[in-house]
């Protein structure tokens, strides 16, 4: 199942890139493996997946310890400050930085462990009350503050678009995030680049790619529906 799902997903990525006039190499697929057992992750690994995303620190750490070491782990869920110390030296990127206090904690732990941490600023582009992230208006000010911190490097923006049945409904949000990245990039802030746009999930990643996504986060489309403990 996973092999077929990955082939289907990669074909969709290829088609979306062609439609947008982009090279497929510009888009990285993150296999979102939350709640899934290591056996399924290894199936994806054997099919070539090297980028995995987790929502919970404990799950990421447990899988990190037993999975091959050439995997790039992405923390894509909300990150509590007291959990930062467990992952700063294990992740390739933290996608969900949404406050100066969280960034300061990441910086402190990065300096302590002598690592450089790549982060994305999570923007609540659709202003949903149930979502984490800063508003579009707050983003540049937050970036200017975070950019001064040691051991932390801003690589771009992330958003979680609304859950919709028609992915076209999210196109305006992806357009806005892309434009925000362009606006920030034009300011040439030290220690900030906007090369990464993490947007698009199983239901809307093709539209996200057409609007400039460089990372798409696909879970259900690769591993099937999630099974949560009752």
N, C-alpha and C. Protein backbone atom coordinates (compact mmCIF):
# COMPACT_ATOMS: atom_id res chain seq x y z
N UNK A 1 0.83 -1.21 0.00
CA UNK A 1 0.00 0.00 0.00
C UNK A 1 0.86 1.26 0.00
N UNK A 2 1.88 1.28 0.86
CA UNK A 2 2.69 2.49 0.98
C UNK A 2 3.45 2.77 -0.31
N UNK A 3 3.95 1.74 -0.94
CA UNK A 3 4.68 1.95 -2.21
C UNK A 3 3.75 2.59 -3.24
N UNK A 4 2.54 2.05 -3.37
CA UNK A 4 1.58 2.61 -4.34
C UNK A 4 1.20 4.05 -3.97
N UNK A 5 0.99 4.28 -2.67
CA UNK A 5 0.62 5.63 -2.24
C UNK A 5 1.73 6.64 -2.52
N UNK A 6 2.97 6.22 -2.30
CA UNK A 6 4.10 7.11 -2.58
C UNK A 6 4.23 7.38 -4.07
N UNK A 7 4.06 6.35 -4.87
CA UNK A 7 4.12 6.54 -6.33
C UNK A 7 3.05 7.53 -6.78
N UNK A 8 1.85 7.36 -6.24
CA UNK A 8 0.72 8.24 -6.59
C UNK A 8 1.01 9.68 -6.15
N UNK A 9 1.52 9.83 -4.93
CA UNK A 9 1.81 11.17 -4.39
C UNK A 9 2.92 11.84 -5.20
N UNK A 10 3.97 11.11 -5.49
CA UNK A 10 5.08 11.69 -6.26
C UNK A 10 4.64 12.06 -7.68
N UNK A 11 3.73 11.27 -8.25
CA UNK A 11 3.21 11.60 -9.59
C UNK A 11 2.40 12.90 -9.53
N UNK A 12 1.61 13.05 -8.46
CA UNK A 12 0.84 14.28 -8.28
C UNK A 12 1.77 15.49 -8.12
N UNK A 13 2.85 15.30 -7.37
CA UNK A 13 3.82 16.39 -7.20
C UNK A 13 4.43 16.76 -8.54
N UNK A 14 4.79 15.74 -9.31
CA UNK A 14 5.36 15.98 -10.64
C UNK A 14 4.38 16.75 -11.52
N UNK A 15 3.11 16.34 -11.50
CA UNK A 15 2.09 17.00 -12.33
C UNK A 15 1.87 18.44 -11.90
N UNK A 16 1.83 18.68 -10.58
CA UNK A 16 1.63 20.04 -10.08
C UNK A 16 2.81 20.93 -10.45
N UNK A 17 4.01 20.38 -10.39
CA UNK A 17 5.20 21.15 -10.77
C UNK A 17 5.17 21.50 -12.26
N UNK A 18 4.79 20.53 -13.06
CA UNK A 18 4.70 20.79 -14.51
C UNK A 18 3.69 21.89 -14.79
N UNK A 19 2.55 21.81 -14.12
CA UNK A 19 1.48 22.81 -14.32
C UNK A 19 1.97 24.21 -13.95
N UNK A 20 2.81 24.26 -12.89
CA UNK A 20 3.30 25.56 -12.40
C UNK A 20 4.60 25.99 -13.08
N UNK A 21 5.14 25.15 -13.96
CA UNK A 21 6.40 25.47 -14.61
C UNK A 21 7.58 25.42 -13.66
N UNK A 22 7.51 24.50 -12.69
CA UNK A 22 8.58 24.37 -11.71
C UNK A 22 9.30 23.03 -11.88
N UNK A 23 10.54 22.97 -11.42
CA UNK A 23 11.27 21.71 -11.42
C UNK A 23 10.81 20.89 -10.21
N UNK A 24 10.64 19.59 -10.41
CA UNK A 24 10.19 18.76 -9.30
C UNK A 24 11.17 18.77 -8.13
N UNK A 25 12.44 19.01 -8.43
CA UNK A 25 13.47 19.05 -7.38
C UNK A 25 13.25 20.20 -6.39
N UNK A 26 12.41 21.17 -6.77
CA UNK A 26 12.14 22.31 -5.88
C UNK A 26 11.21 21.93 -4.72
N UNK A 27 10.55 20.78 -4.84
CA UNK A 27 9.54 20.40 -3.85
C UNK A 27 9.99 19.15 -3.10
N UNK A 28 9.98 19.23 -1.77
CA UNK A 28 10.36 18.10 -0.92
C UNK A 28 9.12 17.54 -0.24
N UNK A 29 8.95 16.24 -0.34
CA UNK A 29 7.83 15.56 0.30
C UNK A 29 8.23 15.14 1.71
N UNK A 30 7.47 15.60 2.69
CA UNK A 30 7.65 15.14 4.08
C UNK A 30 6.57 14.12 4.38
N UNK A 31 6.99 12.92 4.74
CA UNK A 31 6.04 11.87 5.13
C UNK A 31 5.65 12.09 6.59
N UNK A 32 4.41 12.47 6.80
CA UNK A 32 3.94 12.78 8.15
C UNK A 32 3.51 11.48 8.83
N UNK A 33 4.31 11.06 9.79
CA UNK A 33 4.19 9.70 10.31
C UNK A 33 3.61 9.63 11.71
N UNK A 34 2.94 10.69 12.16
CA UNK A 34 2.41 10.70 13.53
C UNK A 34 1.41 9.56 13.73
N UNK A 35 1.49 8.95 14.86
CA UNK A 35 0.68 7.80 15.31
C UNK A 35 0.98 6.51 14.57
N UNK A 36 1.86 6.55 13.58
CA UNK A 36 2.13 5.35 12.78
C UNK A 36 3.32 4.57 13.37
N UNK A 37 3.27 3.23 13.29
CA UNK A 37 4.35 2.42 13.85
C UNK A 37 5.61 2.45 13.00
N UNK A 38 6.73 2.16 13.62
CA UNK A 38 8.02 2.18 12.93
C UNK A 38 8.02 1.25 11.71
N UNK A 39 7.29 0.14 11.79
CA UNK A 39 7.25 -0.80 10.66
C UNK A 39 6.74 -0.12 9.39
N UNK A 40 5.73 0.74 9.53
CA UNK A 40 5.22 1.46 8.35
C UNK A 40 6.20 2.52 7.88
N UNK A 41 6.85 3.20 8.84
CA UNK A 41 7.85 4.19 8.47
C UNK A 41 8.99 3.53 7.69
N UNK A 42 9.37 2.34 8.12
CA UNK A 42 10.45 1.63 7.43
C UNK A 42 10.05 1.24 6.01
N UNK A 43 8.78 0.94 5.81
CA UNK A 43 8.30 0.68 4.44
C UNK A 43 8.51 1.91 3.57
N UNK A 44 8.16 3.07 4.13
CA UNK A 44 8.35 4.32 3.37
C UNK A 44 9.83 4.59 3.16
N UNK A 45 10.62 4.32 4.18
CA UNK A 45 12.08 4.51 4.07
C UNK A 45 12.65 3.64 2.94
N UNK A 46 12.18 2.41 2.88
CA UNK A 46 12.68 1.49 1.85
C UNK A 46 12.27 1.92 0.45
N UNK A 47 11.22 2.75 0.37
CA UNK A 47 10.80 3.30 -0.93
C UNK A 47 11.48 4.64 -1.23
N UNK A 48 12.44 5.02 -0.37
CA UNK A 48 13.22 6.22 -0.66
C UNK A 48 12.93 7.43 0.19
N UNK A 49 11.92 7.38 1.08
CA UNK A 49 11.62 8.52 1.94
C UNK A 49 12.76 8.76 2.92
N UNK A 50 13.22 9.99 3.01
CA UNK A 50 14.22 10.36 4.00
C UNK A 50 13.79 11.55 4.85
N UNK A 51 12.64 12.11 4.54
CA UNK A 51 12.13 13.26 5.29
C UNK A 51 10.83 12.83 5.98
N UNK A 52 10.85 12.86 7.31
CA UNK A 52 9.68 12.45 8.08
C UNK A 52 9.27 13.57 9.03
N UNK A 53 7.96 13.74 9.18
CA UNK A 53 7.44 14.78 10.06
C UNK A 53 6.66 14.20 11.21
N UNK A 54 6.88 14.74 12.40
CA UNK A 54 6.16 14.30 13.59
C UNK A 54 5.53 15.50 14.30
N UNK A 55 4.41 15.24 14.96
CA UNK A 55 3.70 16.30 15.68
C UNK A 55 4.05 16.35 17.16
N UNK A 56 4.48 15.22 17.70
CA UNK A 56 4.73 15.16 19.14
C UNK A 56 6.20 14.84 19.41
N UNK A 57 6.77 15.54 20.38
CA UNK A 57 8.19 15.40 20.70
C UNK A 57 8.52 13.97 21.11
N UNK A 58 7.72 13.39 21.99
CA UNK A 58 8.03 12.04 22.49
C UNK A 58 8.06 11.03 21.34
N UNK A 59 7.10 11.16 20.44
CA UNK A 59 7.05 10.21 19.31
C UNK A 59 8.24 10.40 18.39
N UNK A 60 8.62 11.65 18.16
CA UNK A 60 9.79 11.92 17.31
C UNK A 60 11.05 11.31 17.92
N UNK A 61 11.24 11.53 19.23
CA UNK A 61 12.45 11.04 19.89
C UNK A 61 12.50 9.51 19.87
N UNK A 62 11.37 8.87 20.14
CA UNK A 62 11.33 7.40 20.14
C UNK A 62 11.68 6.84 18.77
N UNK A 63 11.14 7.45 17.73
CA UNK A 63 11.41 6.95 16.37
C UNK A 63 12.84 7.30 15.94
N UNK A 64 13.31 8.46 16.34
CA UNK A 64 14.68 8.86 16.04
C UNK A 64 15.67 7.82 16.55
N UNK A 65 15.42 7.32 17.74
CA UNK A 65 16.37 6.39 18.37
C UNK A 65 16.49 5.07 17.61
N UNK A 66 15.41 4.63 16.96
CA UNK A 66 15.43 3.30 16.35
C UNK A 66 15.48 3.32 14.82
N UNK A 67 15.25 4.47 14.21
CA UNK A 67 15.24 4.55 12.74
C UNK A 67 16.65 4.88 12.22
N UNK A 68 16.88 4.63 10.92
CA UNK A 68 18.20 4.94 10.33
C UNK A 68 18.57 6.41 10.53
N UNK A 69 19.88 6.65 10.64
CA UNK A 69 20.35 7.99 11.02
C UNK A 69 20.47 8.96 9.83
N UNK A 70 20.19 8.47 8.61
CA UNK A 70 20.22 9.42 7.48
C UNK A 70 18.86 10.08 7.26
N UNK A 71 17.92 9.83 8.16
CA UNK A 71 16.61 10.48 8.06
C UNK A 71 16.70 11.92 8.56
N UNK A 72 16.00 12.81 7.87
CA UNK A 72 15.85 14.20 8.32
C UNK A 72 14.48 14.32 8.98
N UNK A 73 14.50 14.62 10.27
CA UNK A 73 13.25 14.72 11.03
C UNK A 73 12.76 16.17 11.08
N UNK A 74 11.46 16.33 10.91
CA UNK A 74 10.84 17.65 10.95
C UNK A 74 9.82 17.69 12.08
N UNK A 75 9.97 18.66 12.96
CA UNK A 75 8.96 18.88 14.01
C UNK A 75 7.91 19.81 13.44
N UNK A 76 6.72 19.26 13.18
CA UNK A 76 5.70 20.07 12.50
C UNK A 76 4.54 20.44 13.42
N UNK A 77 4.48 19.82 14.62
CA UNK A 77 3.40 20.12 15.55
C UNK A 77 3.75 21.25 16.49
N UNK A 78 2.75 21.67 17.25
CA UNK A 78 2.97 22.73 18.24
C UNK A 78 4.03 22.27 19.24
N UNK A 79 5.00 23.13 19.50
CA UNK A 79 6.13 22.77 20.35
C UNK A 79 6.08 23.55 21.66
N UNK A 80 6.02 22.81 22.77
CA UNK A 80 6.05 23.46 24.09
C UNK A 80 7.51 23.74 24.47
N UNK A 81 7.69 24.85 25.18
CA UNK A 81 9.06 25.28 25.51
C UNK A 81 9.80 24.25 26.34
N UNK A 82 9.09 23.56 27.23
CA UNK A 82 9.77 22.60 28.10
C UNK A 82 10.18 21.31 27.38
N UNK A 83 9.78 21.18 26.11
CA UNK A 83 10.14 19.98 25.34
C UNK A 83 11.28 20.25 24.34
N UNK A 84 11.65 21.52 24.22
CA UNK A 84 12.64 21.90 23.21
C UNK A 84 13.95 21.13 23.37
N UNK A 85 14.39 20.97 24.61
CA UNK A 85 15.70 20.38 24.88
C UNK A 85 15.83 18.96 24.33
N UNK A 86 14.70 18.28 24.15
CA UNK A 86 14.75 16.89 23.70
C UNK A 86 15.01 16.75 22.20
N UNK A 87 14.77 17.81 21.44
CA UNK A 87 14.81 17.64 19.97
C UNK A 87 15.78 18.56 19.22
N UNK A 88 16.33 19.59 19.87
CA UNK A 88 17.12 20.57 19.09
C UNK A 88 18.28 19.92 18.34
N UNK A 89 18.84 18.86 18.91
CA UNK A 89 19.98 18.22 18.25
C UNK A 89 19.56 17.01 17.42
N UNK A 90 18.24 16.84 17.22
CA UNK A 90 17.76 15.68 16.47
C UNK A 90 17.01 16.05 15.20
N UNK A 91 16.53 17.28 15.11
CA UNK A 91 15.68 17.65 13.97
C UNK A 91 16.45 18.42 12.90
N UNK A 92 16.02 18.22 11.67
CA UNK A 92 16.56 19.01 10.56
C UNK A 92 15.92 20.39 10.55
N UNK A 93 14.66 20.45 11.01
CA UNK A 93 13.95 21.72 10.97
C UNK A 93 12.76 21.69 11.94
N UNK A 94 12.52 22.83 12.59
CA UNK A 94 11.31 23.02 13.39
C UNK A 94 10.39 23.95 12.60
N UNK A 95 9.22 23.44 12.24
CA UNK A 95 8.31 24.19 11.36
C UNK A 95 7.37 25.11 12.12
N UNK A 96 7.31 24.98 13.44
CA UNK A 96 6.18 25.55 14.18
C UNK A 96 6.58 26.60 15.20
N UNK A 97 7.50 27.47 14.85
CA UNK A 97 7.89 28.55 15.77
C UNK A 97 6.87 29.69 15.64
N UNK A 98 6.19 29.97 16.75
CA UNK A 98 5.11 30.96 16.69
C UNK A 98 5.18 32.01 17.80
N UNK A 99 6.34 32.06 18.50
CA UNK A 99 6.48 33.10 19.53
C UNK A 99 7.95 33.36 19.79
N UNK A 100 8.24 34.55 20.29
CA UNK A 100 9.62 34.89 20.63
C UNK A 100 10.11 34.03 21.79
N UNK A 101 9.24 33.75 22.76
CA UNK A 101 9.64 32.93 23.92
C UNK A 101 10.07 31.53 23.48
N UNK A 102 9.34 30.94 22.54
CA UNK A 102 9.73 29.61 22.04
C UNK A 102 11.07 29.71 21.32
N UNK A 103 11.24 30.73 20.49
CA UNK A 103 12.50 30.90 19.76
C UNK A 103 13.67 31.11 20.72
N UNK A 104 13.44 31.86 21.80
CA UNK A 104 14.51 32.08 22.79
C UNK A 104 14.92 30.77 23.45
N UNK A 105 13.95 29.90 23.71
CA UNK A 105 14.25 28.61 24.33
C UNK A 105 15.03 27.72 23.35
N UNK A 106 14.62 27.74 22.08
CA UNK A 106 15.35 26.99 21.05
C UNK A 106 16.79 27.49 20.97
N UNK A 107 16.95 28.81 20.99
CA UNK A 107 18.28 29.41 20.93
C UNK A 107 19.14 28.99 22.12
N UNK A 108 18.55 29.04 23.31
CA UNK A 108 19.29 28.66 24.53
C UNK A 108 19.79 27.21 24.43
N UNK A 109 18.89 26.32 24.04
CA UNK A 109 19.25 24.91 23.96
C UNK A 109 20.23 24.64 22.82
N UNK A 110 20.09 25.38 21.73
CA UNK A 110 21.01 25.22 20.59
C UNK A 110 22.43 25.60 21.00
N UNK A 111 22.55 26.71 21.71
CA UNK A 111 23.87 27.16 22.18
C UNK A 111 24.45 26.15 23.16
N UNK A 112 23.61 25.66 24.06
CA UNK A 112 24.04 24.70 25.07
C UNK A 112 24.56 23.41 24.41
N UNK A 113 23.85 22.96 23.38
CA UNK A 113 24.23 21.71 22.72
C UNK A 113 25.15 21.93 21.52
N UNK A 114 25.50 23.20 21.29
CA UNK A 114 26.42 23.57 20.21
C UNK A 114 25.93 23.08 18.84
N UNK A 115 24.66 23.37 18.55
CA UNK A 115 24.09 23.05 17.24
C UNK A 115 23.45 24.31 16.66
N UNK A 116 23.26 24.29 15.36
CA UNK A 116 22.48 25.34 14.69
C UNK A 116 21.13 24.75 14.32
N UNK A 117 20.07 25.47 14.64
CA UNK A 117 18.72 24.96 14.41
C UNK A 117 18.02 25.79 13.33
N UNK A 118 17.55 25.11 12.30
CA UNK A 118 16.78 25.76 11.24
C UNK A 118 15.31 25.77 11.63
N UNK A 119 14.68 26.94 11.50
CA UNK A 119 13.28 27.05 11.90
C UNK A 119 12.46 27.74 10.81
N UNK A 120 11.17 27.47 10.86
CA UNK A 120 10.18 28.19 10.06
C UNK A 120 9.25 28.92 11.02
N UNK A 121 8.77 30.06 10.60
CA UNK A 121 7.78 30.79 11.39
C UNK A 121 6.40 30.33 10.96
N UNK A 122 5.62 29.86 11.94
CA UNK A 122 4.26 29.39 11.63
C UNK A 122 3.31 30.58 11.60
N UNK A 123 2.67 30.74 10.46
CA UNK A 123 1.74 31.86 10.25
C UNK A 123 0.32 31.31 10.16
N UNK A 124 -0.56 31.85 10.97
CA UNK A 124 -1.97 31.48 10.92
C UNK A 124 -2.63 32.35 9.86
N UNK A 125 -2.38 31.99 8.62
CA UNK A 125 -2.72 32.87 7.49
C UNK A 125 -4.23 33.03 7.33
N UNK A 126 -5.00 32.02 7.77
CA UNK A 126 -6.46 32.10 7.63
C UNK A 126 -7.13 32.64 8.89
N UNK A 127 -6.32 33.00 9.90
CA UNK A 127 -6.82 33.56 11.16
C UNK A 127 -7.86 32.65 11.82
N UNK A 128 -7.57 31.35 11.85
CA UNK A 128 -8.48 30.40 12.49
C UNK A 128 -8.22 30.38 14.00
N UNK A 129 -9.28 30.48 14.78
CA UNK A 129 -9.12 30.54 16.24
C UNK A 129 -8.55 29.24 16.81
N UNK A 130 -8.78 28.13 16.12
CA UNK A 130 -8.33 26.83 16.64
C UNK A 130 -6.89 26.50 16.27
N UNK A 131 -6.24 27.37 15.49
CA UNK A 131 -4.89 27.07 15.01
C UNK A 131 -3.85 27.92 15.74
N UNK A 132 -2.66 27.35 15.86
CA UNK A 132 -1.52 28.11 16.36
C UNK A 132 -0.95 28.95 15.22
N UNK A 133 0.01 29.80 15.56
CA UNK A 133 0.66 30.62 14.53
C UNK A 133 0.44 32.10 14.77
N UNK A 134 1.35 32.89 14.22
CA UNK A 134 1.21 34.34 14.33
C UNK A 134 0.37 34.85 13.18
N UNK A 135 -0.20 36.04 13.35
CA UNK A 135 -0.95 36.65 12.25
C UNK A 135 0.02 37.16 11.19
N UNK A 136 -0.51 37.35 10.02
CA UNK A 136 0.31 37.89 8.93
C UNK A 136 0.94 39.22 9.33
N UNK A 137 0.17 40.03 10.06
CA UNK A 137 0.62 41.36 10.44
C UNK A 137 1.77 41.31 11.46
N UNK A 138 1.79 40.28 12.29
CA UNK A 138 2.80 40.17 13.34
C UNK A 138 4.10 39.52 12.85
N UNK A 139 4.07 38.93 11.69
CA UNK A 139 5.16 38.05 11.27
C UNK A 139 6.50 38.77 11.14
N UNK A 140 6.53 39.90 10.46
CA UNK A 140 7.81 40.56 10.19
C UNK A 140 8.46 41.03 11.50
N UNK A 141 7.67 41.57 12.39
CA UNK A 141 8.20 42.03 13.69
C UNK A 141 8.80 40.86 14.46
N UNK A 142 8.10 39.72 14.47
CA UNK A 142 8.60 38.54 15.18
C UNK A 142 9.90 38.05 14.55
N UNK A 143 9.95 38.03 13.23
CA UNK A 143 11.15 37.58 12.53
C UNK A 143 12.34 38.48 12.87
N UNK A 144 12.13 39.76 12.91
CA UNK A 144 13.23 40.69 13.24
C UNK A 144 13.80 40.41 14.62
N UNK A 145 12.92 40.04 15.57
CA UNK A 145 13.37 39.73 16.93
C UNK A 145 14.12 38.39 16.97
N UNK A 146 13.56 37.39 16.32
CA UNK A 146 14.17 36.05 16.35
C UNK A 146 15.51 36.03 15.63
N UNK A 147 15.62 36.81 14.56
CA UNK A 147 16.83 36.79 13.74
C UNK A 147 18.09 37.17 14.52
N UNK A 148 17.91 37.86 15.64
CA UNK A 148 19.07 38.31 16.43
C UNK A 148 19.59 37.22 17.37
N UNK A 149 18.84 36.13 17.52
CA UNK A 149 19.20 35.09 18.49
C UNK A 149 20.30 34.18 17.95
N UNK A 150 21.23 33.76 18.81
CA UNK A 150 22.28 32.84 18.36
C UNK A 150 21.75 31.41 18.21
N UNK A 151 22.36 30.66 17.30
CA UNK A 151 22.07 29.24 17.17
C UNK A 151 20.77 28.90 16.47
N UNK A 152 20.09 29.93 15.94
CA UNK A 152 18.79 29.70 15.31
C UNK A 152 18.77 30.45 13.98
N UNK A 153 18.27 29.79 12.94
CA UNK A 153 18.28 30.38 11.59
C UNK A 153 16.89 30.26 10.96
N UNK A 154 16.36 31.39 10.57
CA UNK A 154 15.03 31.40 9.95
C UNK A 154 15.16 31.08 8.46
N UNK A 155 14.48 30.01 8.05
CA UNK A 155 14.60 29.53 6.67
C UNK A 155 13.36 29.78 5.83
N UNK A 156 12.27 30.24 6.48
CA UNK A 156 11.06 30.48 5.70
C UNK A 156 9.82 30.46 6.58
N UNK A 157 8.68 30.15 5.95
CA UNK A 157 7.39 30.21 6.62
C UNK A 157 6.65 28.88 6.51
N UNK A 158 5.76 28.66 7.44
CA UNK A 158 4.89 27.48 7.42
C UNK A 158 3.46 27.91 7.73
N UNK A 159 2.50 27.22 7.13
CA UNK A 159 1.10 27.42 7.53
C UNK A 159 0.35 26.11 7.45
N UNK A 160 -0.70 26.03 8.26
CA UNK A 160 -1.66 24.93 8.17
C UNK A 160 -2.96 25.55 7.68
N UNK A 161 -3.30 25.28 6.45
CA UNK A 161 -4.49 25.88 5.86
C UNK A 161 -5.75 25.21 6.42
N UNK A 162 -6.91 25.84 6.27
CA UNK A 162 -8.15 25.24 6.78
C UNK A 162 -8.43 23.87 6.16
N UNK A 163 -9.18 23.06 6.89
CA UNK A 163 -9.63 21.78 6.34
C UNK A 163 -10.79 22.06 5.39
N UNK A 164 -10.62 21.72 4.14
CA UNK A 164 -11.65 21.97 3.13
C UNK A 164 -11.84 20.73 2.27
N UNK A 165 -13.00 20.61 1.66
CA UNK A 165 -13.22 19.50 0.74
C UNK A 165 -12.77 19.87 -0.67
N UNK A 166 -12.81 21.16 -0.98
CA UNK A 166 -12.33 21.63 -2.29
C UNK A 166 -11.01 22.38 -2.08
N UNK A 167 -9.89 21.77 -2.51
CA UNK A 167 -8.58 22.40 -2.26
C UNK A 167 -8.45 23.80 -2.85
N UNK A 168 -9.23 24.12 -3.88
CA UNK A 168 -9.16 25.46 -4.48
C UNK A 168 -9.48 26.55 -3.46
N UNK A 169 -10.26 26.20 -2.45
CA UNK A 169 -10.62 27.19 -1.43
C UNK A 169 -9.40 27.67 -0.66
N UNK A 170 -8.35 26.86 -0.64
CA UNK A 170 -7.14 27.26 0.10
C UNK A 170 -6.12 27.99 -0.77
N UNK A 171 -6.38 28.08 -2.06
CA UNK A 171 -5.41 28.76 -2.94
C UNK A 171 -5.10 30.18 -2.47
N UNK A 172 -6.11 30.99 -2.09
CA UNK A 172 -5.80 32.36 -1.65
C UNK A 172 -4.86 32.40 -0.45
N UNK A 173 -4.98 31.43 0.46
CA UNK A 173 -4.11 31.42 1.64
C UNK A 173 -2.67 31.08 1.24
N UNK A 174 -2.51 30.15 0.32
CA UNK A 174 -1.16 29.82 -0.14
C UNK A 174 -0.55 30.99 -0.90
N UNK A 175 -1.38 31.68 -1.68
CA UNK A 175 -0.90 32.88 -2.39
C UNK A 175 -0.42 33.94 -1.39
N UNK A 176 -1.20 34.12 -0.33
CA UNK A 176 -0.84 35.14 0.68
C UNK A 176 0.46 34.79 1.38
N UNK A 177 0.65 33.51 1.70
CA UNK A 177 1.89 33.12 2.39
C UNK A 177 3.09 33.33 1.47
N UNK A 178 2.93 32.99 0.21
CA UNK A 178 4.01 33.20 -0.76
C UNK A 178 4.34 34.68 -0.87
N UNK A 179 3.33 35.53 -0.95
CA UNK A 179 3.56 36.97 -1.06
C UNK A 179 4.22 37.52 0.19
N UNK A 180 3.81 37.00 1.35
CA UNK A 180 4.44 37.43 2.60
C UNK A 180 5.93 37.07 2.60
N UNK A 181 6.25 35.88 2.11
CA UNK A 181 7.66 35.46 2.03
C UNK A 181 8.45 36.38 1.10
N UNK A 182 7.84 36.75 -0.02
CA UNK A 182 8.48 37.67 -0.96
C UNK A 182 8.73 39.03 -0.30
N UNK A 183 7.73 39.51 0.42
CA UNK A 183 7.85 40.81 1.09
C UNK A 183 8.97 40.79 2.14
N UNK A 184 9.04 39.70 2.90
CA UNK A 184 10.07 39.57 3.94
C UNK A 184 11.45 39.48 3.30
N UNK A 185 11.54 38.69 2.26
CA UNK A 185 12.82 38.51 1.56
C UNK A 185 13.38 39.83 1.05
N UNK A 186 12.48 40.70 0.59
CA UNK A 186 12.91 41.99 0.02
C UNK A 186 13.52 42.92 1.07
N UNK A 187 13.30 42.61 2.35
CA UNK A 187 13.83 43.47 3.42
C UNK A 187 15.27 43.12 3.77
N UNK A 188 15.78 42.01 3.23
CA UNK A 188 17.19 41.62 3.44
C UNK A 188 17.60 41.65 4.92
N UNK A 189 16.82 40.97 5.75
CA UNK A 189 17.12 40.93 7.19
C UNK A 189 18.24 39.92 7.42
N UNK A 190 19.25 40.30 8.20
CA UNK A 190 20.35 39.39 8.51
C UNK A 190 19.82 38.11 9.16
N UNK A 191 20.41 36.96 8.78
CA UNK A 191 20.07 35.66 9.37
C UNK A 191 18.65 35.20 9.00
N UNK A 192 18.11 35.76 7.94
CA UNK A 192 16.76 35.36 7.49
C UNK A 192 16.80 35.10 5.99
N UNK A 193 16.34 33.92 5.59
CA UNK A 193 16.01 33.77 4.17
C UNK A 193 14.65 33.11 4.07
N UNK A 194 14.06 33.24 2.92
CA UNK A 194 12.69 32.77 2.71
C UNK A 194 12.65 31.69 1.63
N UNK A 195 13.64 30.81 1.66
CA UNK A 195 13.72 29.76 0.64
C UNK A 195 12.70 28.65 0.86
N UNK A 196 12.19 28.52 2.08
CA UNK A 196 11.30 27.40 2.40
C UNK A 196 9.88 27.90 2.64
N UNK A 197 8.94 27.28 1.94
CA UNK A 197 7.51 27.48 2.21
C UNK A 197 6.92 26.12 2.49
N UNK A 198 6.61 25.87 3.75
CA UNK A 198 6.02 24.60 4.16
C UNK A 198 4.51 24.78 4.20
N UNK A 199 3.85 24.30 3.15
CA UNK A 199 2.39 24.45 3.09
C UNK A 199 1.82 23.39 2.17
N UNK A 200 0.61 22.97 2.51
CA UNK A 200 -0.03 21.91 1.74
C UNK A 200 0.07 20.57 2.43
N UNK A 201 -1.09 19.91 2.56
CA UNK A 201 -1.16 18.60 3.19
C UNK A 201 -1.91 17.66 2.24
N UNK A 202 -2.30 16.50 2.73
CA UNK A 202 -2.86 15.47 1.84
C UNK A 202 -3.96 16.02 0.94
N UNK A 203 -4.84 16.86 1.48
CA UNK A 203 -5.99 17.30 0.70
C UNK A 203 -5.73 18.43 -0.28
N UNK A 204 -4.61 19.15 -0.13
CA UNK A 204 -4.45 20.36 -0.95
C UNK A 204 -3.02 20.61 -1.41
N UNK A 205 -2.15 19.59 -1.32
CA UNK A 205 -0.73 19.86 -1.61
C UNK A 205 -0.47 20.22 -3.07
N UNK A 206 -1.32 19.75 -3.98
CA UNK A 206 -1.08 20.09 -5.40
C UNK A 206 -1.31 21.58 -5.63
N UNK A 207 -2.36 22.13 -5.03
CA UNK A 207 -2.61 23.57 -5.13
C UNK A 207 -1.48 24.35 -4.45
N UNK A 208 -1.02 23.84 -3.30
CA UNK A 208 0.07 24.51 -2.59
C UNK A 208 1.33 24.58 -3.45
N UNK A 209 1.62 23.49 -4.15
CA UNK A 209 2.80 23.46 -5.03
C UNK A 209 2.65 24.48 -6.16
N UNK A 210 1.45 24.56 -6.71
CA UNK A 210 1.22 25.54 -7.79
C UNK A 210 1.45 26.97 -7.29
N UNK A 211 1.27 27.19 -5.99
CA UNK A 211 1.44 28.53 -5.41
C UNK A 211 2.80 28.73 -4.75
N UNK A 212 3.72 27.75 -4.88
CA UNK A 212 5.08 27.99 -4.43
C UNK A 212 5.60 27.16 -3.28
N UNK A 213 4.83 26.18 -2.80
CA UNK A 213 5.30 25.34 -1.69
C UNK A 213 6.63 24.67 -2.05
N UNK A 214 7.55 24.62 -1.08
CA UNK A 214 8.79 23.87 -1.28
C UNK A 214 8.80 22.61 -0.42
N UNK A 215 8.02 22.61 0.66
CA UNK A 215 7.80 21.40 1.47
C UNK A 215 6.30 21.13 1.50
N UNK A 216 5.89 19.90 1.20
CA UNK A 216 4.51 19.50 1.42
C UNK A 216 4.49 18.38 2.44
N UNK A 217 3.50 18.41 3.32
CA UNK A 217 3.43 17.50 4.46
C UNK A 217 2.27 16.52 4.26
N UNK A 218 2.59 15.31 3.86
CA UNK A 218 1.55 14.35 3.49
C UNK A 218 1.59 13.16 4.44
N UNK A 219 0.49 12.95 5.14
CA UNK A 219 0.39 11.83 6.07
C UNK A 219 -0.59 10.78 5.59
N UNK A 220 -1.88 11.12 5.60
CA UNK A 220 -2.94 10.19 5.20
C UNK A 220 -2.71 9.67 3.79
N UNK A 221 -2.24 10.54 2.90
CA UNK A 221 -2.03 10.15 1.51
C UNK A 221 -0.94 9.10 1.33
N UNK A 222 -0.08 8.95 2.34
CA UNK A 222 0.98 7.93 2.29
C UNK A 222 0.65 6.74 3.18
N UNK A 223 0.27 7.03 4.43
CA UNK A 223 0.12 5.97 5.43
C UNK A 223 -1.33 5.54 5.67
N UNK A 224 -2.29 6.22 5.05
CA UNK A 224 -3.69 5.90 5.32
C UNK A 224 -4.22 6.69 6.51
N UNK A 225 -5.47 6.48 6.83
CA UNK A 225 -6.09 7.21 7.93
C UNK A 225 -5.36 6.94 9.25
N UNK A 226 -5.30 7.97 10.11
CA UNK A 226 -4.65 7.79 11.39
C UNK A 226 -5.57 7.04 12.36
N UNK A 227 -4.94 6.25 13.19
CA UNK A 227 -5.68 5.54 14.24
C UNK A 227 -5.28 6.12 15.59
N UNK A 228 -6.20 6.80 16.20
CA UNK A 228 -5.91 7.39 17.51
C UNK A 228 -6.39 6.46 18.62
N UNK A 229 -5.62 6.36 19.70
CA UNK A 229 -6.07 5.53 20.81
C UNK A 229 -7.38 6.07 21.39
N UNK A 230 -8.25 5.17 21.79
CA UNK A 230 -9.55 5.60 22.32
C UNK A 230 -9.39 5.96 23.79
